[in-house]
Amino acid sequence: CRLKCNTCDSDAPTEAEKGEVAVSGKTAL
C-alpha cells in the first residue's frame, strides 16, 4: 500500500510466510 499512502502499518513478511510462498511454487505446471 505504500504506492498509494504513507500511513499504513504493515510488517515485512515473516519466515513462515516466505515459506508458504516458496512451497506454492511446487504447484506450477
Full PDB file with SEQRES, HELIX, SHEET, SSBOND, CRYST1, ORIGX, SCALE, CONECT and MASTER records, all heavy atoms in Angstrom:
SEQRES   1 A   29  CYS ARG LEU LYS CYS ASN THR CYS ASP SER ASP ALA PRO          
SEQRES   2 A   29  THR GLU ALA GLU LYS GLY GLU VAL ALA VAL SER GLY LYS          
SEQRES   3 A   29  THR ALA LEU                                                  
HELIX    1 AA1 GLU A   15  SER A   24  1                                  10    
HELIX    2 AA2 GLY A   25  THR A   27  5                                   3    
CRYST1    1.000    1.000    1.000  90.00  90.00  90.00 P 1           1          
ORIGX1      1.000000  0.000000  0.000000        0.00000                         
ORIGX2      0.000000  1.000000  0.000000        0.00000                         
ORIGX3      0.000000  0.000000  1.000000        0.00000                         
SCALE1      1.000000  0.000000  0.000000        0.00000                         
SCALE2      0.000000  1.000000  0.000000        0.00000                         
SCALE3      0.000000  0.000000  1.000000        0.00000                         
ATOM      1  N   CYS A   1       0.805  -1.215   0.000  1.00  0.00           N  
ATOM      2  CA  CYS A   1       0.000   0.000   0.000  1.00  0.00           C  
ATOM      3  C   CYS A   1       0.836   1.261   0.000  1.00  0.00           C  
ATOM      4  O   CYS A   1       0.282   2.359  -0.114  1.00  0.00           O  
ATOM      5  CB  CYS A   1      -0.953   0.002   1.196  1.00  0.00           C  
ATOM      6  SG  CYS A   1      -0.188  -0.305   2.771  1.00  0.00           S  
ATOM      7  N   ARG A   2       2.135   1.188   0.089  1.00  0.00           N  
ATOM      8  CA  ARG A   2       2.942   2.399   0.103  1.00  0.00           C  
ATOM      9  C   ARG A   2       2.979   3.093  -1.251  1.00  0.00           C  
ATOM     10  O   ARG A   2       3.425   4.227  -1.362  1.00  0.00           O  
ATOM     11  CB  ARG A   2       4.365   2.095   0.578  1.00  0.00           C  
ATOM     12  CG  ARG A   2       4.427   1.985   2.100  1.00  0.00           C  
ATOM     13  CD  ARG A   2       5.834   1.857   2.608  1.00  0.00           C  
ATOM     14  NE  ARG A   2       5.837   1.752   4.053  1.00  0.00           N  
ATOM     15  CZ  ARG A   2       6.898   1.378   4.770  1.00  0.00           C  
ATOM     16  NH1 ARG A   2       8.014   1.066   4.147  1.00  0.00           N  
ATOM     17  NH2 ARG A   2       6.838   1.303   6.069  1.00  0.00           N  
ATOM     18  N   LEU A   3       2.493   2.407  -2.310  1.00  0.00           N  
ATOM     19  CA  LEU A   3       2.387   3.080  -3.594  1.00  0.00           C  
ATOM     20  C   LEU A   3       1.313   4.154  -3.544  1.00  0.00           C  
ATOM     21  O   LEU A   3       1.288   5.058  -4.355  1.00  0.00           O  
ATOM     22  CB  LEU A   3       2.041   2.075  -4.701  1.00  0.00           C  
ATOM     23  CG  LEU A   3       3.136   1.096  -5.087  1.00  0.00           C  
ATOM     24  CD1 LEU A   3       2.628   0.196  -6.197  1.00  0.00           C  
ATOM     25  CD2 LEU A   3       4.388   1.824  -5.552  1.00  0.00           C  
ATOM     26  N   LYS A   4       0.403   4.051  -2.569  1.00  0.00           N  
ATOM     27  CA  LYS A   4      -0.721   4.968  -2.523  1.00  0.00           C  
ATOM     28  C   LYS A   4      -0.768   5.822  -1.259  1.00  0.00           C  
ATOM     29  O   LYS A   4      -1.427   6.841  -1.229  1.00  0.00           O  
ATOM     30  CB  LYS A   4      -2.037   4.169  -2.636  1.00  0.00           C  
ATOM     31  CG  LYS A   4      -2.344   3.775  -4.069  1.00  0.00           C  
ATOM     32  CD  LYS A   4      -2.721   5.005  -4.874  1.00  0.00           C  
ATOM     33  CE  LYS A   4      -2.879   4.678  -6.333  1.00  0.00           C  
ATOM     34  NZ  LYS A   4      -3.248   5.836  -7.144  1.00  0.00           N  
ATOM     35  N   CYS A   5      -0.119   5.428  -0.193  1.00  0.00           N  
ATOM     36  CA  CYS A   5      -0.153   6.241   1.017  1.00  0.00           C  
ATOM     37  C   CYS A   5       1.053   5.952   1.890  1.00  0.00           C  
ATOM     38  O   CYS A   5       1.771   4.991   1.684  1.00  0.00           O  
ATOM     39  CB  CYS A   5      -1.443   5.988   1.816  1.00  0.00           C  
ATOM     40  SG  CYS A   5      -1.517   4.390   2.632  1.00  0.00           S  
ATOM     41  N   ASN A   6       1.271   6.796   2.872  1.00  0.00           N  
ATOM     42  CA  ASN A   6       2.432   6.656   3.748  1.00  0.00           C  
ATOM     43  C   ASN A   6       2.031   6.367   5.190  1.00  0.00           C  
ATOM     44  O   ASN A   6       2.834   6.496   6.107  1.00  0.00           O  
ATOM     45  CB  ASN A   6       3.261   7.949   3.722  1.00  0.00           C  
ATOM     46  CG  ASN A   6       3.822   8.219   2.343  1.00  0.00           C  
ATOM     47  OD1 ASN A   6       4.329   7.315   1.701  1.00  0.00           O  
ATOM     48  ND2 ASN A   6       3.724   9.460   1.888  1.00  0.00           N  
ATOM     49  N   THR A   7       0.773   5.974   5.394  1.00  0.00           N  
ATOM     50  CA  THR A   7       0.283   5.813   6.755  1.00  0.00           C  
ATOM     51  C   THR A   7      -0.054   4.386   7.115  1.00  0.00           C  
ATOM     52  O   THR A   7      -0.671   4.126   8.130  1.00  0.00           O  
ATOM     53  CB  THR A   7      -0.972   6.673   6.961  1.00  0.00           C  
ATOM     54  OG1 THR A   7      -1.974   6.256   6.026  1.00  0.00           O  
ATOM     55  CG2 THR A   7      -0.659   8.143   6.781  1.00  0.00           C  
ATOM     56  N   CYS A   8       0.309   3.431   6.256  1.00  0.00           N  
ATOM     57  CA  CYS A   8      -0.070   2.049   6.505  1.00  0.00           C  
ATOM     58  C   CYS A   8       0.897   1.385   7.479  1.00  0.00           C  
ATOM     59  O   CYS A   8       2.102   1.541   7.374  1.00  0.00           O  
ATOM     60  CB  CYS A   8      -0.082   1.255   5.202  1.00  0.00           C  
ATOM     61  SG  CYS A   8      -1.153   1.993   3.977  1.00  0.00           S  
ATOM     62  N   ASP A   9       0.354   0.613   8.403  1.00  0.00           N  
ATOM     63  CA  ASP A   9       1.174  -0.089   9.388  1.00  0.00           C  
ATOM     64  C   ASP A   9       1.302  -1.547   8.980  1.00  0.00           C  
ATOM     65  O   ASP A   9       0.594  -2.415   9.471  1.00  0.00           O  
ATOM     66  CB  ASP A   9       0.534   0.013  10.782  1.00  0.00           C  
ATOM     67  CG  ASP A   9       0.473   1.446  11.281  1.00  0.00           C  
ATOM     68  OD1 ASP A   9       1.439   2.177  11.021  1.00  0.00           O  
ATOM     69  OD2 ASP A   9      -0.531   1.809  11.903  1.00  0.00           O  
ATOM     70  N   SER A  10       2.210  -1.829   8.042  1.00  0.00           N  
ATOM     71  CA  SER A  10       2.424  -3.190   7.572  1.00  0.00           C  
ATOM     72  C   SER A  10       3.823  -3.641   7.933  1.00  0.00           C  
ATOM     73  O   SER A  10       4.762  -2.857   7.955  1.00  0.00           O  
ATOM     74  CB  SER A  10       2.244  -3.262   6.052  1.00  0.00           C  
ATOM     75  OG  SER A  10       0.956  -2.874   5.685  1.00  0.00           O  
ATOM     76  N   ASP A  11       3.961  -4.928   8.225  1.00  0.00           N  
ATOM     77  CA  ASP A  11       5.254  -5.501   8.575  1.00  0.00           C  
ATOM     78  C   ASP A  11       5.814  -6.264   7.395  1.00  0.00           C  
ATOM     79  O   ASP A  11       5.109  -6.607   6.461  1.00  0.00           O  
ATOM     80  CB  ASP A  11       5.098  -6.458   9.768  1.00  0.00           C  
ATOM     81  CG  ASP A  11       4.546  -5.749  10.990  1.00  0.00           C  
ATOM     82  OD1 ASP A  11       4.952  -4.603  11.242  1.00  0.00           O  
ATOM     83  OD2 ASP A  11       3.710  -6.362  11.664  1.00  0.00           O  
ATOM     84  N   ALA A  12       7.116  -6.522   7.448  1.00  0.00           N  
ATOM     85  CA  ALA A  12       7.741  -7.352   6.426  1.00  0.00           C  
ATOM     86  C   ALA A  12       7.229  -8.785   6.578  1.00  0.00           C  
ATOM     87  O   ALA A  12       6.847  -9.207   7.661  1.00  0.00           O  
ATOM     88  CB  ALA A  12       9.256  -7.308   6.588  1.00  0.00           C  
ATOM     89  N   PRO A  13       7.198  -9.560   5.481  1.00  0.00           N  
ATOM     90  CA  PRO A  13       6.749 -10.951   5.567  1.00  0.00           C  
ATOM     91  C   PRO A  13       7.596 -11.750   6.550  1.00  0.00           C  
ATOM     92  O   PRO A  13       8.806 -11.577   6.622  1.00  0.00           O  
ATOM     93  CB  PRO A  13       6.942 -11.463   4.138  1.00  0.00           C  
ATOM     94  CG  PRO A  13       6.919 -10.244   3.284  1.00  0.00           C  
ATOM     95  CD  PRO A  13       7.534  -9.162   4.106  1.00  0.00           C  
ATOM     96  N   THR A  14       6.953 -12.631   7.312  1.00  0.00           N  
ATOM     97  CA  THR A  14       7.666 -13.484   8.249  1.00  0.00           C  
ATOM     98  C   THR A  14       8.325 -14.629   7.489  1.00  0.00           C  
ATOM     99  O   THR A  14       8.020 -14.883   6.325  1.00  0.00           O  
ATOM    100  CB  THR A  14       6.699 -14.061   9.291  1.00  0.00           C  
ATOM    101  OG1 THR A  14       5.768 -14.935   8.619  1.00  0.00           O  
ATOM    102  CG2 THR A  14       5.935 -12.949  10.011  1.00  0.00           C  
ATOM    103  N   GLU A  15       9.213 -15.355   8.165  1.00  0.00           N  
ATOM    104  CA  GLU A  15       9.860 -16.501   7.530  1.00  0.00           C  
ATOM    105  C   GLU A  15       8.834 -17.566   7.167  1.00  0.00           C  
ATOM    106  O   GLU A  15       8.946 -18.221   6.122  1.00  0.00           O  
ATOM    107  CB  GLU A  15      10.936 -17.082   8.458  1.00  0.00           C  
ATOM    108  CG  GLU A  15      12.149 -16.189   8.627  1.00  0.00           C  
ATOM    109  CD  GLU A  15      12.800 -15.834   7.290  1.00  0.00           C  
ATOM    110  OE1 GLU A  15      12.994 -16.753   6.464  1.00  0.00           O  
ATOM    111  OE2 GLU A  15      13.097 -14.640   7.064  1.00  0.00           O  
ATOM    112  N   ALA A  16       7.818 -17.736   8.026  1.00  0.00           N  
ATOM    113  CA  ALA A  16       6.775 -18.719   7.745  1.00  0.00           C  
ATOM    114  C   ALA A  16       6.006 -18.339   6.488  1.00  0.00           C  
ATOM    115  O   ALA A  16       5.684 -19.191   5.649  1.00  0.00           O  
ATOM    116  CB  ALA A  16       5.814 -18.828   8.927  1.00  0.00           C  
ATOM    117  N   GLU A  17       5.728 -17.052   6.325  1.00  0.00           N  
ATOM    118  CA  GLU A  17       5.012 -16.590   5.143  1.00  0.00           C  
ATOM    119  C   GLU A  17       5.851 -16.751   3.891  1.00  0.00           C  
ATOM    120  O   GLU A  17       5.354 -17.148   2.829  1.00  0.00           O  
ATOM    121  CB  GLU A  17       4.583 -15.139   5.339  1.00  0.00           C  
ATOM    122  CG  GLU A  17       3.463 -14.988   6.364  1.00  0.00           C  
ATOM    123  CD  GLU A  17       3.211 -13.559   6.767  1.00  0.00           C  
ATOM    124  OE1 GLU A  17       4.088 -12.702   6.545  1.00  0.00           O  
ATOM    125  OE2 GLU A  17       2.133 -13.290   7.337  1.00  0.00           O  
ATOM    126  N   LYS A  18       7.144 -16.447   3.997  1.00  0.00           N  
ATOM    127  CA  LYS A  18       8.039 -16.666   2.859  1.00  0.00           C  
ATOM    128  C   LYS A  18       8.060 -18.143   2.471  1.00  0.00           C  
ATOM    129  O   LYS A  18       8.127 -18.487   1.293  1.00  0.00           O  
ATOM    130  CB  LYS A  18       9.444 -16.182   3.201  1.00  0.00           C  
ATOM    131  CG  LYS A  18       9.582 -14.666   3.339  1.00  0.00           C  
ATOM    132  CD  LYS A  18      11.009 -14.289   3.695  1.00  0.00           C  
ATOM    133  CE  LYS A  18      11.169 -12.785   3.872  1.00  0.00           C  
ATOM    134  NZ  LYS A  18      12.550 -12.422   4.244  1.00  0.00           N  
ATOM    135  N   GLY A  19       8.002 -19.006   3.470  1.00  0.00           N  
ATOM    136  CA  GLY A  19       7.995 -20.441   3.206  1.00  0.00           C  
ATOM    137  C   GLY A  19       6.746 -20.882   2.470  1.00  0.00           C  
ATOM    138  O   GLY A  19       6.805 -21.733   1.577  1.00  0.00           O  
ATOM    139  N   GLU A  20       5.606 -20.300   2.837  1.00  0.00           N  
ATOM    140  CA  GLU A  20       4.350 -20.633   2.155  1.00  0.00           C  
ATOM    141  C   GLU A  20       4.386 -20.194   0.697  1.00  0.00           C  
ATOM    142  O   GLU A  20       3.891 -20.894  -0.183  1.00  0.00           O  
ATOM    143  CB  GLU A  20       3.162 -19.979   2.873  1.00  0.00           C  
ATOM    144  CG  GLU A  20       2.825 -20.588   4.219  1.00  0.00           C  
ATOM    145  CD  GLU A  20       2.284 -22.006   4.107  1.00  0.00           C  
ATOM    146  OE1 GLU A  20       1.971 -22.459   2.984  1.00  0.00           O  
ATOM    147  OE2 GLU A  20       2.173 -22.666   5.147  1.00  0.00           O  
ATOM    148  N   VAL A  21       4.966 -19.034   0.433  1.00  0.00           N  
ATOM    149  CA  VAL A  21       5.083 -18.566  -0.951  1.00  0.00           C  
ATOM    150  C   VAL A  21       6.000 -19.499  -1.738  1.00  0.00           C  
ATOM    151  O   VAL A  21       5.712 -19.858  -2.883  1.00  0.00           O  
ATOM    152  CB  VAL A  21       5.619 -17.123  -0.993  1.00  0.00           C  
ATOM    153  CG1 VAL A  21       5.903 -16.706  -2.434  1.00  0.00           C  
ATOM    154  CG2 VAL A  21       4.623 -16.163  -0.363  1.00  0.00           C  
ATOM    155  N   ALA A  22       7.102 -19.900  -1.120  1.00  0.00           N  
ATOM    156  CA  ALA A  22       8.059 -20.774  -1.796  1.00  0.00           C  
ATOM    157  C   ALA A  22       7.438 -22.126  -2.137  1.00  0.00           C  
ATOM    158  O   ALA A  22       7.620 -22.645  -3.241  1.00  0.00           O  
ATOM    159  CB  ALA A  22       9.299 -20.962  -0.929  1.00  0.00           C  
ATOM    160  N   VAL A  23       6.689 -22.700  -1.187  1.00  0.00           N  
ATOM    161  CA  VAL A  23       6.115 -24.025  -1.424  1.00  0.00           C  
ATOM    162  C   VAL A  23       5.029 -23.963  -2.487  1.00  0.00           C  
ATOM    163  O   VAL A  23       4.776 -24.955  -3.182  1.00  0.00           O  
ATOM    164  CB  VAL A  23       5.572 -24.641  -0.107  1.00  0.00           C  
ATOM    165  CG1 VAL A  23       4.231 -24.023   0.292  1.00  0.00           C  
ATOM    166  CG2 VAL A  23       5.437 -26.153  -0.230  1.00  0.00           C  
ATOM    167  N   SER A  24       4.407 -22.802  -2.656  1.00  0.00           N  
ATOM    168  CA  SER A  24       3.376 -22.683  -3.690  1.00  0.00           C  
ATOM    169  C   SER A  24       3.980 -22.857  -5.083  1.00  0.00           C  
ATOM    170  O   SER A  24       3.279 -23.232  -6.030  1.00  0.00           O  
ATOM    171  CB  SER A  24       2.666 -21.324  -3.601  1.00  0.00           C  
ATOM    172  OG  SER A  24       3.492 -20.275  -4.044  1.00  0.00           O  
ATOM    173  N   GLY A  25       5.285 -22.591  -5.214  1.00  0.00           N  
ATOM    174  CA  GLY A  25       5.958 -22.768  -6.498  1.00  0.00           C  
ATOM    175  C   GLY A  25       5.940 -24.202  -6.985  1.00  0.00           C  
ATOM    176  O   GLY A  25       6.059 -24.459  -8.190  1.00  0.00           O  
ATOM    177  N   LYS A  26       5.767 -25.151  -6.061  1.00  0.00           N  
ATOM    178  CA  LYS A  26       5.729 -26.563  -6.443  1.00  0.00           C  
ATOM    179  C   LYS A  26       4.471 -26.915  -7.234  1.00  0.00           C  
ATOM    180  O   LYS A  26       4.398 -27.971  -7.856  1.00  0.00           O  
ATOM    181  CB  LYS A  26       5.798 -27.450  -5.194  1.00  0.00           C  
ATOM    182  CG  LYS A  26       7.101 -27.353  -4.424  1.00  0.00           C  
ATOM    183  CD  LYS A  26       7.067 -28.279  -3.212  1.00  0.00           C  
ATOM    184  CE  LYS A  26       8.353 -28.222  -2.417  1.00  0.00           C  
ATOM    185  NZ  LYS A  26       8.324 -29.130  -1.238  1.00  0.00           N  
ATOM    186  N   THR A  27       3.466 -26.026  -7.179  1.00  0.00           N  
ATOM    187  CA  THR A  27       2.215 -26.317  -7.876  1.00  0.00           C  
ATOM    188  C   THR A  27       2.259 -25.911  -9.348  1.00  0.00           C  
ATOM    189  O   THR A  27       1.340 -26.220 -10.105  1.00  0.00           O  
ATOM    190  CB  THR A  27       1.036 -25.576  -7.216  1.00  0.00           C  
ATOM    191  OG1 THR A  27       1.220 -24.158  -7.370  1.00  0.00           O  
ATOM    192  CG2 THR A  27       0.953 -25.916  -5.730  1.00  0.00           C  
ATOM    193  N   ALA A  28       3.311 -25.207  -9.765  1.00  0.00           N  
ATOM    194  CA  ALA A  28       3.398 -24.730 -11.149  1.00  0.00           C  
ATOM    195  C   ALA A  28       3.469 -25.898 -12.121  1.00  0.00           C  
ATOM    196  O   ALA A  28       4.242 -26.844 -11.927  1.00  0.00           O  
ATOM    197  CB  ALA A  28       4.617 -23.830 -11.323  1.00  0.00           C  
ATOM    198  N   LEU A  29       2.653 -25.835 -13.159  1.00  0.00           N  
ATOM    199  CA  LEU A  29       2.619 -26.892 -14.168  1.00  0.00           C  
ATOM    200  C   LEU A  29       3.341 -26.452 -15.439  1.00  0.00           C  
ATOM    201  O   LEU A  29       3.197 -25.322 -15.886  1.00  0.00           O  
ATOM    202  CB  LEU A  29       1.167 -27.236 -14.523  1.00  0.00           C  
ATOM    203  CG  LEU A  29       0.284 -27.770 -13.400  1.00  0.00           C  
ATOM    204  CD1 LEU A  29      -1.131 -27.999 -13.924  1.00  0.00           C  
ATOM    205  CD2 LEU A  29       0.850 -29.061 -12.826  1.00  0.00           C  
TER     206      LEU A  29                                                      
MASTER        0    0    0    2    0    0    0    6  205    1    0    3          
END                                                                             
